[in-house]
Amino acid sequence: MDVLSGVRDIWFKLAASTLLVFAATCSGSAEDKLTGGPTPSPPGAAAHFVELKDGDTVPTKVTVRFGLREMGVAPAGLDRPNSGHHHLLIDTDLPPLNEPIPNDFNHLHFGAGQTEAQVTLKPGPHTLQLLLGDKDHIPHSPPVMSPRIRVIASDATTSPQVAAASVKKRRHAQARQPQLSFFCCLSQILRRSGWRARRRCSPPPTR
């Protein structure tokens, strides 16, 4: 009985492992079969955000920079192999991948070949995702996109560029302060000395 019980346990473990491997294989196959329009994309192509990560807190007016691997950026309408232009999806799911990407407040087009843009967000949580489109604004096959990230927009947040400029301005003002103080004191001394000299050299009043 102990031998049969041990064999049965081993058989169940092997069956469970086989099912897990099969499920992972099916999941990977489903991702590999994700297709878009008629324009092919090269292996390994992917879009990504530059200096922006999932969970970041950003100002309501934020500069979003677009990154791209294994492909180039080209304006809409230009038929160039292994290239496309960026679309920024805000607070929305992926559109149909075999049709032109919609053009509205949730689907921002950058058909001139831009690689960054200043975006205004309402205070609160938002989702962002990049999706590359071909010359006709249709996603490639397989689609070239970034993972969808979540950010929090806040009025109280200062962008790194603005913060750096503020620090530089403050340091410059502090460096000039001793010099200005010296000239102010010197000016006061000269002004007082000149006034006293004029008083001594002025003739006495006539009666």
N, C-alpha and C. Protein backbone atom coordinates (compact mmCIF):
# COMPACT_ATOMS: atom_id res chain seq x y z
N MET A 1 0.83 -1.21 0.00
CA MET A 1 0.00 0.00 0.00
C MET A 1 0.86 1.25 0.00
N ASP A 2 1.98 1.22 0.77
CA ASP A 2 2.86 2.39 0.81
C ASP A 2 3.49 2.63 -0.54
N VAL A 3 3.85 1.57 -1.23
CA VAL A 3 4.47 1.72 -2.56
C VAL A 3 3.47 2.33 -3.52
N LEU A 4 2.23 1.84 -3.51
CA LEU A 4 1.20 2.38 -4.40
C LEU A 4 0.91 3.84 -4.09
N SER A 5 0.88 4.18 -2.81
CA SER A 5 0.64 5.56 -2.41
C SER A 5 1.75 6.47 -2.90
N GLY A 6 3.00 6.00 -2.81
CA GLY A 6 4.12 6.82 -3.28
C GLY A 6 4.08 7.01 -4.78
N VAL A 7 3.75 5.95 -5.50
CA VAL A 7 3.66 6.05 -6.97
C VAL A 7 2.56 7.03 -7.36
N ARG A 8 1.43 6.97 -6.64
CA ARG A 8 0.30 7.86 -6.94
C ARG A 8 0.69 9.32 -6.69
N ASP A 9 1.43 9.57 -5.62
CA ASP A 9 1.87 10.95 -5.35
C ASP A 9 2.79 11.46 -6.44
N ILE A 10 3.72 10.62 -6.87
CA ILE A 10 4.65 11.02 -7.94
C ILE A 10 3.88 11.32 -9.21
N TRP A 11 2.89 10.50 -9.52
CA TRP A 11 2.10 10.69 -10.76
C TRP A 11 1.35 12.01 -10.71
N PHE A 12 0.76 12.34 -9.56
CA PHE A 12 0.03 13.61 -9.43
C PHE A 12 0.97 14.80 -9.60
N LYS A 13 2.17 14.72 -9.03
CA LYS A 13 3.13 15.81 -9.15
C LYS A 13 3.57 16.01 -10.60
N LEU A 14 3.81 14.90 -11.30
CA LEU A 14 4.19 15.00 -12.71
C LEU A 14 3.07 15.60 -13.54
N ALA A 15 1.84 15.22 -13.24
CA ALA A 15 0.69 15.74 -13.99
C ALA A 15 0.53 17.24 -13.76
N ALA A 16 0.70 17.67 -12.50
CA ALA A 16 0.58 19.10 -12.19
C ALA A 16 1.66 19.91 -12.89
N SER A 17 2.89 19.38 -12.90
CA SER A 17 3.99 20.10 -13.58
C SER A 17 3.73 20.21 -15.06
N THR A 18 3.20 19.14 -15.66
CA THR A 18 2.91 19.16 -17.10
C THR A 18 1.85 20.20 -17.42
N LEU A 19 0.84 20.29 -16.58
CA LEU A 19 -0.21 21.29 -16.81
C LEU A 19 0.33 22.70 -16.71
N LEU A 20 1.20 22.97 -15.74
CA LEU A 20 1.78 24.30 -15.60
C LEU A 20 2.61 24.68 -16.82
N VAL A 21 3.42 23.76 -17.31
CA VAL A 21 4.24 24.02 -18.50
C VAL A 21 3.35 24.27 -19.70
N PHE A 22 2.29 23.50 -19.85
CA PHE A 22 1.37 23.65 -20.98
C PHE A 22 0.69 25.02 -20.93
N ALA A 23 0.27 25.44 -19.73
CA ALA A 23 -0.40 26.74 -19.59
C ALA A 23 0.54 27.87 -19.93
N ALA A 24 1.80 27.79 -19.48
CA ALA A 24 2.77 28.84 -19.79
C ALA A 24 3.05 28.90 -21.29
N THR A 25 3.12 27.74 -21.93
CA THR A 25 3.36 27.69 -23.37
C THR A 25 2.21 28.32 -24.13
N CYS A 26 1.00 28.02 -23.72
CA CYS A 26 -0.18 28.59 -24.40
C CYS A 26 -0.22 30.11 -24.23
N SER A 27 0.13 30.58 -23.02
CA SER A 27 0.14 32.02 -22.78
C SER A 27 1.16 32.72 -23.65
N GLY A 28 2.36 32.14 -23.75
CA GLY A 28 3.39 32.72 -24.60
C GLY A 28 2.98 32.72 -26.06
N SER A 29 2.32 31.65 -26.50
CA SER A 29 1.89 31.56 -27.89
C SER A 29 0.86 32.63 -28.18
N ALA A 30 -0.05 32.91 -27.22
CA ALA A 30 -1.07 33.93 -27.44
C ALA A 30 -0.44 35.29 -27.61
N GLU A 31 0.63 35.59 -26.80
CA GLU A 31 1.30 36.86 -26.93
C GLU A 31 2.04 36.96 -28.25
N ASP A 32 2.68 35.86 -28.67
CA ASP A 32 3.41 35.87 -29.93
C ASP A 32 2.48 36.08 -31.12
N LYS A 33 1.24 35.66 -31.02
CA LYS A 33 0.31 35.75 -32.13
C LYS A 33 -0.42 37.09 -32.18
N LEU A 34 -0.11 38.00 -31.27
CA LEU A 34 -0.72 39.32 -31.28
C LEU A 34 -0.32 40.04 -32.55
N THR A 35 -1.28 40.37 -33.40
CA THR A 35 -0.97 40.95 -34.70
C THR A 35 -1.63 42.31 -34.85
N GLY A 36 -1.09 43.08 -35.77
CA GLY A 36 -1.63 44.38 -36.07
C GLY A 36 -2.00 44.48 -37.54
N GLY A 37 -1.53 45.56 -38.17
CA GLY A 37 -1.85 45.80 -39.56
C GLY A 37 -0.89 45.12 -40.52
N PRO A 38 -0.84 45.59 -41.77
CA PRO A 38 -0.03 44.92 -42.79
C PRO A 38 1.46 45.22 -42.72
N THR A 39 1.87 46.23 -41.95
CA THR A 39 3.29 46.61 -41.91
C THR A 39 4.03 45.78 -40.87
N PRO A 40 5.07 45.04 -41.28
CA PRO A 40 5.79 44.20 -40.31
C PRO A 40 6.75 45.02 -39.45
N SER A 41 7.00 44.53 -38.25
CA SER A 41 8.01 45.12 -37.37
C SER A 41 9.12 44.10 -37.16
N PRO A 42 10.35 44.55 -36.96
CA PRO A 42 11.46 43.62 -36.79
C PRO A 42 11.44 42.96 -35.42
N PRO A 43 12.11 41.82 -35.27
CA PRO A 43 12.17 41.15 -33.96
C PRO A 43 12.81 42.05 -32.91
N GLY A 44 12.25 42.02 -31.72
CA GLY A 44 12.81 42.77 -30.61
C GLY A 44 12.41 44.23 -30.56
N ALA A 45 11.60 44.70 -31.50
CA ALA A 45 11.19 46.11 -31.50
C ALA A 45 10.24 46.38 -30.34
N ALA A 46 10.44 47.50 -29.67
CA ALA A 46 9.59 47.86 -28.53
C ALA A 46 9.69 49.35 -28.27
N ALA A 47 8.60 49.91 -27.79
CA ALA A 47 8.58 51.31 -27.36
C ALA A 47 8.69 51.36 -25.84
N HIS A 48 9.17 52.47 -25.32
CA HIS A 48 9.31 52.61 -23.87
C HIS A 48 9.35 54.09 -23.51
N PHE A 49 9.03 54.37 -22.25
CA PHE A 49 9.12 55.74 -21.74
C PHE A 49 10.53 56.01 -21.25
N VAL A 50 11.00 57.23 -21.46
CA VAL A 50 12.33 57.63 -21.02
C VAL A 50 12.18 58.44 -19.72
N GLU A 51 12.86 58.00 -18.67
CA GLU A 51 12.87 58.68 -17.37
C GLU A 51 11.46 58.80 -16.77
N LEU A 52 10.63 57.83 -17.05
CA LEU A 52 9.29 57.80 -16.47
C LEU A 52 8.94 56.36 -16.17
N LYS A 53 8.62 56.09 -14.90
CA LYS A 53 8.40 54.72 -14.47
C LYS A 53 7.01 54.55 -13.88
N ASP A 54 6.58 53.32 -13.82
CA ASP A 54 5.30 52.99 -13.23
C ASP A 54 5.28 53.42 -11.76
N GLY A 55 4.24 54.15 -11.38
CA GLY A 55 4.11 54.60 -10.00
C GLY A 55 4.69 55.98 -9.74
N ASP A 56 5.27 56.63 -10.74
CA ASP A 56 5.86 57.95 -10.53
C ASP A 56 4.78 59.00 -10.27
N THR A 57 5.16 60.02 -9.50
CA THR A 57 4.33 61.21 -9.32
C THR A 57 4.89 62.31 -10.21
N VAL A 58 4.04 62.92 -11.02
CA VAL A 58 4.48 63.88 -12.02
C VAL A 58 3.69 65.18 -11.86
N PRO A 59 4.21 66.31 -12.39
CA PRO A 59 3.42 67.55 -12.38
C PRO A 59 2.26 67.44 -13.36
N THR A 60 1.28 68.29 -13.20
CA THR A 60 0.12 68.25 -14.10
C THR A 60 0.52 68.62 -15.53
N LYS A 61 1.55 69.44 -15.69
CA LYS A 61 2.14 69.68 -17.01
C LYS A 61 3.48 68.95 -17.04
N VAL A 62 3.48 67.80 -17.69
CA VAL A 62 4.65 66.93 -17.66
C VAL A 62 5.18 66.73 -19.08
N THR A 63 6.50 66.71 -19.21
CA THR A 63 7.14 66.40 -20.49
C THR A 63 7.37 64.90 -20.56
N VAL A 64 6.73 64.25 -21.54
CA VAL A 64 6.84 62.80 -21.72
C VAL A 64 7.79 62.54 -22.88
N ARG A 65 8.81 61.74 -22.65
CA ARG A 65 9.79 61.42 -23.69
C ARG A 65 9.59 59.98 -24.15
N PHE A 66 9.64 59.79 -25.47
CA PHE A 66 9.35 58.49 -26.07
C PHE A 66 10.65 57.81 -26.49
N GLY A 67 10.79 56.54 -26.11
CA GLY A 67 11.93 55.74 -26.52
C GLY A 67 11.52 54.63 -27.46
N LEU A 68 12.47 54.16 -28.28
CA LEU A 68 12.16 53.13 -29.28
C LEU A 68 13.41 52.28 -29.50
N ARG A 69 13.22 50.96 -29.53
CA ARG A 69 14.32 50.03 -29.78
C ARG A 69 14.10 49.28 -31.08
N GLU A 70 15.21 49.06 -31.80
CA GLU A 70 15.25 48.25 -33.02
C GLU A 70 14.42 48.83 -34.17
N MET A 71 13.99 50.07 -34.07
CA MET A 71 13.26 50.72 -35.15
C MET A 71 13.60 52.20 -35.15
N GLY A 72 13.23 52.89 -36.25
CA GLY A 72 13.44 54.32 -36.35
C GLY A 72 12.12 55.07 -36.35
N VAL A 73 12.21 56.38 -36.15
CA VAL A 73 11.03 57.24 -36.14
C VAL A 73 10.93 57.95 -37.48
N ALA A 74 9.74 57.92 -38.07
CA ALA A 74 9.49 58.59 -39.35
C ALA A 74 8.12 59.24 -39.31
N PRO A 75 7.94 60.38 -39.98
CA PRO A 75 6.64 61.05 -39.97
C PRO A 75 5.56 60.19 -40.61
N ALA A 76 4.32 60.46 -40.25
CA ALA A 76 3.19 59.77 -40.87
C ALA A 76 3.18 60.07 -42.37
N GLY A 77 2.79 59.07 -43.15
CA GLY A 77 2.75 59.23 -44.60
C GLY A 77 4.02 58.83 -45.30
N LEU A 78 5.12 58.67 -44.56
CA LEU A 78 6.40 58.29 -45.15
C LEU A 78 6.59 56.79 -45.03
N ASP A 79 6.69 56.12 -46.17
CA ASP A 79 6.81 54.66 -46.21
C ASP A 79 8.28 54.27 -46.13
N ARG A 80 8.76 54.10 -44.91
CA ARG A 80 10.16 53.74 -44.69
C ARG A 80 10.19 52.43 -43.90
N PRO A 81 10.95 51.43 -44.35
CA PRO A 81 10.98 50.14 -43.63
C PRO A 81 11.45 50.30 -42.19
N ASN A 82 10.88 49.47 -41.31
CA ASN A 82 11.27 49.42 -39.90
C ASN A 82 11.21 50.80 -39.23
N SER A 83 10.13 51.51 -39.49
CA SER A 83 9.97 52.81 -38.86
C SER A 83 8.48 53.05 -38.58
N GLY A 84 8.21 54.10 -37.82
CA GLY A 84 6.84 54.47 -37.50
C GLY A 84 6.85 55.74 -36.68
N HIS A 85 5.69 56.15 -36.19
CA HIS A 85 5.60 57.34 -35.34
C HIS A 85 4.79 56.99 -34.09
N HIS A 86 5.00 57.79 -33.06
CA HIS A 86 4.47 57.47 -31.74
C HIS A 86 3.02 57.95 -31.58
N HIS A 87 2.30 57.20 -30.74
CA HIS A 87 0.97 57.58 -30.25
C HIS A 87 0.98 57.36 -28.74
N LEU A 88 0.42 58.32 -28.02
CA LEU A 88 0.35 58.22 -26.56
C LEU A 88 -1.09 57.95 -26.15
N LEU A 89 -1.29 56.83 -25.48
CA LEU A 89 -2.63 56.46 -25.01
C LEU A 89 -2.74 56.87 -23.54
N ILE A 90 -3.76 57.69 -23.24
CA ILE A 90 -3.96 58.20 -21.89
C ILE A 90 -5.29 57.70 -21.36
N ASP A 91 -5.26 56.97 -20.25
CA ASP A 91 -6.47 56.50 -19.57
C ASP A 91 -7.38 55.71 -20.51
N THR A 92 -6.80 54.81 -21.28
CA THR A 92 -7.60 54.00 -22.19
C THR A 92 -6.90 52.68 -22.47
N ASP A 93 -7.68 51.69 -22.90
CA ASP A 93 -7.12 50.40 -23.29
C ASP A 93 -6.59 50.48 -24.72
N LEU A 94 -5.96 49.40 -25.16
CA LEU A 94 -5.47 49.36 -26.53
C LEU A 94 -6.64 49.40 -27.52
N PRO A 95 -6.51 50.16 -28.59
CA PRO A 95 -7.55 50.15 -29.62
C PRO A 95 -7.42 48.89 -30.48
N PRO A 96 -8.34 48.66 -31.42
CA PRO A 96 -8.16 47.54 -32.37
C PRO A 96 -6.82 47.68 -33.10
N LEU A 97 -6.02 46.63 -33.09
CA LEU A 97 -4.65 46.73 -33.57
C LEU A 97 -4.52 46.58 -35.08
N ASN A 98 -5.62 46.29 -35.76
CA ASN A 98 -5.56 46.18 -37.22
C ASN A 98 -6.29 47.34 -37.91
N GLU A 99 -6.54 48.41 -37.14
CA GLU A 99 -7.23 49.59 -37.68
C GLU A 99 -6.44 50.84 -37.34
N PRO A 100 -6.69 51.96 -38.04
CA PRO A 100 -6.01 53.21 -37.67
C PRO A 100 -6.31 53.59 -36.22
N ILE A 101 -5.30 54.05 -35.53
CA ILE A 101 -5.44 54.45 -34.13
C ILE A 101 -6.34 55.68 -34.05
N PRO A 102 -7.33 55.70 -33.18
CA PRO A 102 -8.20 56.89 -33.07
C PRO A 102 -7.41 58.15 -32.74
N ASN A 103 -7.99 59.28 -33.07
CA ASN A 103 -7.34 60.57 -32.80
C ASN A 103 -8.27 61.40 -31.92
N ASP A 104 -8.02 61.38 -30.62
CA ASP A 104 -8.84 62.14 -29.68
C ASP A 104 -8.02 62.43 -28.43
N PHE A 105 -8.69 62.89 -27.36
CA PHE A 105 -7.97 63.28 -26.15
C PHE A 105 -7.31 62.09 -25.46
N ASN A 106 -7.78 60.87 -25.72
CA ASN A 106 -7.18 59.69 -25.12
C ASN A 106 -6.15 59.02 -26.02
N HIS A 107 -6.10 59.42 -27.28
CA HIS A 107 -5.15 58.87 -28.25
C HIS A 107 -4.45 60.03 -28.94
N LEU A 108 -3.28 60.42 -28.43
CA LEU A 108 -2.57 61.57 -28.97
C LEU A 108 -1.61 61.11 -30.07
N HIS A 109 -1.71 61.76 -31.24
CA HIS A 109 -0.88 61.41 -32.40
C HIS A 109 0.32 62.35 -32.48
N PHE A 110 1.46 61.79 -32.82
CA PHE A 110 2.67 62.57 -33.04
C PHE A 110 3.23 62.23 -34.42
N GLY A 111 2.42 62.60 -35.41
CA GLY A 111 2.72 62.23 -36.80
C GLY A 111 3.85 62.99 -37.42
N ALA A 112 4.37 64.02 -36.76
CA ALA A 112 5.52 64.75 -37.31
C ALA A 112 6.84 64.08 -36.93
N GLY A 113 6.76 62.99 -36.19
CA GLY A 113 7.97 62.29 -35.78
C GLY A 113 8.53 62.75 -34.46
N GLN A 114 7.69 63.38 -33.62
CA GLN A 114 8.16 63.86 -32.32
C GLN A 114 8.59 62.70 -31.43
N THR A 115 9.60 62.98 -30.62
CA THR A 115 10.06 61.99 -29.65
C THR A 115 9.83 62.46 -28.21
N GLU A 116 9.14 63.58 -28.02
CA GLU A 116 8.72 64.03 -26.70
C GLU A 116 7.57 65.01 -26.87
N ALA A 117 6.83 65.21 -25.80
CA ALA A 117 5.70 66.14 -25.83
C ALA A 117 5.35 66.56 -24.43
N GLN A 118 4.85 67.79 -24.29
CA GLN A 118 4.34 68.26 -23.00
C GLN A 118 2.85 67.96 -22.93
N VAL A 119 2.46 67.23 -21.91
CA VAL A 119 1.09 66.77 -21.76
C VAL A 119 0.52 67.36 -20.48
N THR A 120 -0.72 67.82 -20.54
CA THR A 120 -1.41 68.35 -19.37
C THR A 120 -2.38 67.31 -18.84
N LEU A 121 -2.20 66.94 -17.58
CA LEU A 121 -3.05 65.94 -16.93
C LEU A 121 -3.80 66.57 -15.77
N LYS A 122 -5.00 66.11 -15.53
CA LYS A 122 -5.73 66.54 -14.35
C LYS A 122 -5.11 65.91 -13.11
N PRO A 123 -5.16 66.59 -11.97
CA PRO A 123 -4.62 65.98 -10.75
C PRO A 123 -5.30 64.64 -10.46
N GLY A 124 -4.48 63.65 -10.11
CA GLY A 124 -5.01 62.33 -9.81
C GLY A 124 -4.29 61.24 -10.57
N PRO A 125 -4.76 60.00 -10.47
CA PRO A 125 -4.10 58.86 -11.14
C PRO A 125 -4.43 58.81 -12.62
N HIS A 126 -3.47 58.35 -13.41
CA HIS A 126 -3.65 58.20 -14.85
C HIS A 126 -2.85 57.00 -15.34
N THR A 127 -3.24 56.47 -16.51
CA THR A 127 -2.46 55.43 -17.17
C THR A 127 -1.91 55.99 -18.47
N LEU A 128 -0.68 55.57 -18.80
CA LEU A 128 -0.02 56.00 -20.03
C LEU A 128 0.55 54.78 -20.75
N GLN A 129 0.47 54.80 -22.07
CA GLN A 129 1.02 53.71 -22.87
C GLN A 129 1.40 54.24 -24.24
N LEU A 130 2.53 53.79 -24.77
CA LEU A 130 2.97 54.17 -26.11
C LEU A 130 2.60 53.08 -27.10
N LEU A 131 2.18 53.49 -28.29
CA LEU A 131 1.84 52.55 -29.35
C LEU A 131 2.34 53.14 -30.66
N LEU A 132 3.18 52.41 -31.35
CA LEU A 132 3.74 52.89 -32.61
C LEU A 132 2.78 52.62 -33.76
N GLY A 133 2.69 53.57 -34.68
CA GLY A 133 1.86 53.39 -35.86
C GLY A 133 2.68 53.51 -37.13
N ASP A 134 2.21 52.86 -38.21
CA ASP A 134 2.91 52.97 -39.49
C ASP A 134 2.51 54.26 -40.20
N LYS A 135 2.80 54.37 -41.48
CA LYS A 135 2.52 55.59 -42.22
C LYS A 135 1.03 55.93 -42.25
N ASP A 136 0.19 54.93 -42.04
CA ASP A 136 -1.26 55.13 -42.04
C ASP A 136 -1.86 55.10 -40.63
N HIS A 137 -1.03 55.23 -39.61
CA HIS A 137 -1.47 55.24 -38.21
C HIS A 137 -2.00 53.88 -37.75
N ILE A 138 -1.61 52.81 -38.44
CA ILE A 138 -2.04 51.46 -38.07
C ILE A 138 -0.89 50.77 -37.34
N PRO A 139 -1.13 50.10 -36.20
CA PRO A 139 -0.06 49.38 -35.51
C PRO A 139 0.59 48.33 -36.40
N HIS A 140 1.86 48.05 -36.12
CA HIS A 140 2.61 47.06 -36.89
C HIS A 140 2.23 45.64 -36.47
N SER A 141 2.79 44.68 -37.17
CA SER A 141 2.63 43.27 -36.82
C SER A 141 4.02 42.66 -36.61
N PRO A 142 4.33 42.18 -35.40
CA PRO A 142 3.54 42.36 -34.18
C PRO A 142 3.57 43.81 -33.73
N PRO A 143 2.58 44.23 -32.92
CA PRO A 143 2.50 45.63 -32.48
C PRO A 143 3.73 46.05 -31.67
N VAL A 144 4.14 47.28 -31.87
CA VAL A 144 5.29 47.84 -31.15
C VAL A 144 4.73 48.81 -30.11
N MET A 145 4.82 48.45 -28.84
CA MET A 145 4.21 49.26 -27.80
C MET A 145 4.99 49.12 -26.50
N SER A 146 4.67 49.99 -25.57
CA SER A 146 5.28 49.94 -24.24
C SER A 146 4.32 49.27 -23.27
N PRO A 147 4.82 48.82 -22.14
CA PRO A 147 3.89 48.42 -21.07
C PRO A 147 3.07 49.62 -20.61
N ARG A 148 1.86 49.38 -20.18
CA ARG A 148 1.03 50.47 -19.66
C ARG A 148 1.47 50.77 -18.24
N ILE A 149 1.74 52.05 -17.95
CA ILE A 149 2.19 52.45 -16.62
C ILE A 149 1.14 53.34 -15.96
N ARG A 150 1.23 53.43 -14.67
CA ARG A 150 0.32 54.29 -13.88
C ARG A 150 1.13 55.40 -13.23
N VAL A 151 0.65 56.63 -13.36
CA VAL A 151 1.30 57.78 -12.74
C VAL A 151 0.26 58.58 -11.97
N ILE A 152 0.73 59.43 -11.08
CA ILE A 152 -0.14 60.32 -10.31
C ILE A 152 0.26 61.75 -10.61
N ALA A 153 -0.67 62.54 -11.15
CA ALA A 153 -0.41 63.94 -11.44
C ALA A 153 -0.74 64.79 -10.23
N SER A 154 0.17 65.71 -9.89
CA SER A 154 -0.02 66.54 -8.71
C SER A 154 0.39 67.97 -9.02
N ASP A 155 -0.42 68.93 -8.55
CA ASP A 155 -0.09 70.35 -8.72
C ASP A 155 1.14 70.73 -7.93
N ALA A 156 1.38 70.04 -6.84
CA ALA A 156 2.48 70.41 -5.95
C ALA A 156 3.82 69.87 -6.42
N THR A 157 3.82 69.07 -7.48
CA THR A 157 5.06 68.45 -7.94
C THR A 157 5.79 69.39 -8.88
N THR A 158 7.08 69.55 -8.65
CA THR A 158 7.93 70.36 -9.52
C THR A 158 8.76 69.44 -10.39
N SER A 159 8.80 69.71 -11.68
CA SER A 159 9.57 68.88 -12.59
C SER A 159 11.06 69.00 -12.29
N PRO A 160 11.86 68.00 -12.62
CA PRO A 160 13.31 68.08 -12.36
C PRO A 160 13.97 69.27 -13.05
N GLN A 161 13.52 69.62 -14.27
CA GLN A 161 14.12 70.73 -14.98
C GLN A 161 13.87 72.04 -14.24
N VAL A 162 12.62 72.25 -13.79
CA VAL A 162 12.30 73.47 -13.07
C VAL A 162 13.03 73.53 -11.73
N ALA A 163 13.11 72.39 -11.05
CA ALA A 163 13.81 72.36 -9.77
C ALA A 163 15.29 72.69 -9.94
N ALA A 164 15.94 72.13 -10.98
CA ALA A 164 17.36 72.41 -11.22
C ALA A 164 17.58 73.88 -11.54
N ALA A 165 16.69 74.47 -12.35
CA ALA A 165 16.83 75.89 -12.69
C ALA A 165 16.66 76.76 -11.46
N SER A 166 15.74 76.39 -10.56
CA SER A 166 15.53 77.16 -9.35
C SER A 166 16.75 77.11 -8.44
N VAL A 167 17.35 75.94 -8.30
CA VAL A 167 18.55 75.80 -7.47
C VAL A 167 19.70 76.61 -8.05
N LYS A 168 19.88 76.57 -9.36
CA LYS A 168 20.95 77.33 -10.01
C LYS A 168 20.77 78.83 -9.81
N LYS A 169 19.52 79.30 -9.94
CA LYS A 169 19.24 80.72 -9.76
C LYS A 169 19.50 81.15 -8.32
N ARG A 170 19.11 80.30 -7.36
CA ARG A 170 19.33 80.64 -5.95
C ARG A 170 20.81 80.68 -5.63
N ARG A 171 21.61 79.74 -6.16
CA ARG A 171 23.04 79.75 -5.91
C ARG A 171 23.71 80.98 -6.52
N HIS A 172 23.25 81.36 -7.71
CA HIS A 172 23.80 82.55 -8.36
C HIS A 172 23.51 83.79 -7.52
N ALA A 173 22.31 83.89 -6.98
CA ALA A 173 21.94 85.04 -6.15
C ALA A 173 22.78 85.07 -4.87
N GLN A 174 23.02 83.88 -4.28
CA GLN A 174 23.82 83.84 -3.07
C GLN A 174 25.27 84.22 -3.34
N ALA A 175 25.80 83.84 -4.51
CA ALA A 175 27.17 84.19 -4.86
C ALA A 175 27.33 85.68 -5.10
N ARG A 176 26.30 86.35 -5.60
CA ARG A 176 26.36 87.78 -5.87
C ARG A 176 26.11 88.64 -4.63
N GLN A 177 25.52 88.03 -3.60
CA GLN A 177 25.11 88.82 -2.44
C GLN A 177 26.30 89.50 -1.74
N PRO A 178 27.44 88.79 -1.44
CA PRO A 178 28.56 89.49 -0.79
C PRO A 178 29.11 90.63 -1.64
N GLN A 179 29.19 90.41 -2.97
CA GLN A 179 29.71 91.44 -3.86
C GLN A 179 28.80 92.67 -3.84
N LEU A 180 27.50 92.45 -3.89
CA LEU A 180 26.56 93.57 -3.87
C LEU A 180 26.63 94.29 -2.54
N SER A 181 26.76 93.54 -1.45
CA SER A 181 26.84 94.16 -0.12
C SER A 181 28.07 95.04 -0.03
N PHE A 182 29.21 94.61 -0.58
CA PHE A 182 30.44 95.40 -0.53
C PHE A 182 30.26 96.72 -1.29
N PHE A 183 29.69 96.63 -2.51
CA PHE A 183 29.50 97.83 -3.30
C PHE A 183 28.49 98.78 -2.65
N CYS A 184 27.49 98.24 -2.01
CA CYS A 184 26.51 99.09 -1.32
C CYS A 184 27.18 99.86 -0.18
N CYS A 185 28.03 99.17 0.59
CA CYS A 185 28.72 99.84 1.70
C CYS A 185 29.68 100.90 1.18
N LEU A 186 30.43 100.56 0.11
CA LEU A 186 31.36 101.51 -0.46
C LEU A 186 30.65 102.74 -0.99
N SER A 187 29.51 102.51 -1.63
CA SER A 187 28.74 103.64 -2.16
C SER A 187 28.26 104.55 -1.04
N GLN A 188 27.82 103.95 0.05
CA GLN A 188 27.37 104.75 1.18
C GLN A 188 28.51 105.56 1.80
N ILE A 189 29.69 104.95 1.90
CA ILE A 189 30.84 105.66 2.47
C ILE A 189 31.23 106.84 1.60
N LEU A 190 31.30 106.61 0.27
CA LEU A 190 31.68 107.69 -0.65
C LEU A 190 30.64 108.80 -0.64
N ARG A 191 29.38 108.42 -0.58
CA ARG A 191 28.33 109.43 -0.59
C ARG A 191 28.41 110.30 0.67
N ARG A 192 28.63 109.67 1.81
CA ARG A 192 28.75 110.44 3.06
C ARG A 192 30.01 111.31 3.06
N SER A 193 31.13 110.76 2.55
CA SER A 193 32.37 111.52 2.52
C SER A 193 32.24 112.72 1.61
N GLY A 194 31.64 112.58 0.46
CA GLY A 194 31.47 113.68 -0.48
C GLY A 194 30.56 114.76 0.11
N TRP A 195 29.54 114.37 0.80
CA TRP A 195 28.60 115.35 1.40
C TRP A 195 29.30 116.17 2.46
N ARG A 196 30.15 115.53 3.31
CA ARG A 196 30.87 116.25 4.34
C ARG A 196 31.90 117.18 3.73
N ALA A 197 32.55 116.74 2.64
CA ALA A 197 33.55 117.60 1.99
C ALA A 197 32.88 118.83 1.42
N ARG A 198 31.72 118.68 0.84
CA ARG A 198 31.03 119.84 0.29
C ARG A 198 30.62 120.80 1.40
N ARG A 199 30.25 120.27 2.56
CA ARG A 199 29.87 121.14 3.69
C ARG A 199 31.07 121.94 4.17
N ARG A 200 32.27 121.31 4.25
CA ARG A 200 33.45 122.01 4.73
C ARG A 200 33.93 123.06 3.72
N CYS A 201 33.80 122.78 2.40
CA CYS A 201 34.32 123.68 1.39
C CYS A 201 33.35 124.77 1.02
N SER A 202 32.12 124.68 1.44
CA SER A 202 31.15 125.69 1.03
C SER A 202 31.39 126.97 1.82
N PRO A 203 31.30 128.17 1.16
CA PRO A 203 31.55 129.44 1.85
C PRO A 203 30.47 129.71 2.89
N PRO A 204 30.84 130.53 3.90
CA PRO A 204 29.84 130.85 4.94
C PRO A 204 28.75 131.72 4.36
N PRO A 205 27.61 131.62 4.86
CA PRO A 205 26.50 132.42 4.35
C PRO A 205 26.75 133.90 4.63
N THR A 206 26.36 134.73 3.69
CA THR A 206 26.51 136.21 3.83
C THR A 206 25.30 136.77 4.54
N ARG A 207 25.58 137.88 5.28
CA ARG A 207 24.49 138.53 6.00
C ARG A 207 24.17 139.88 5.37
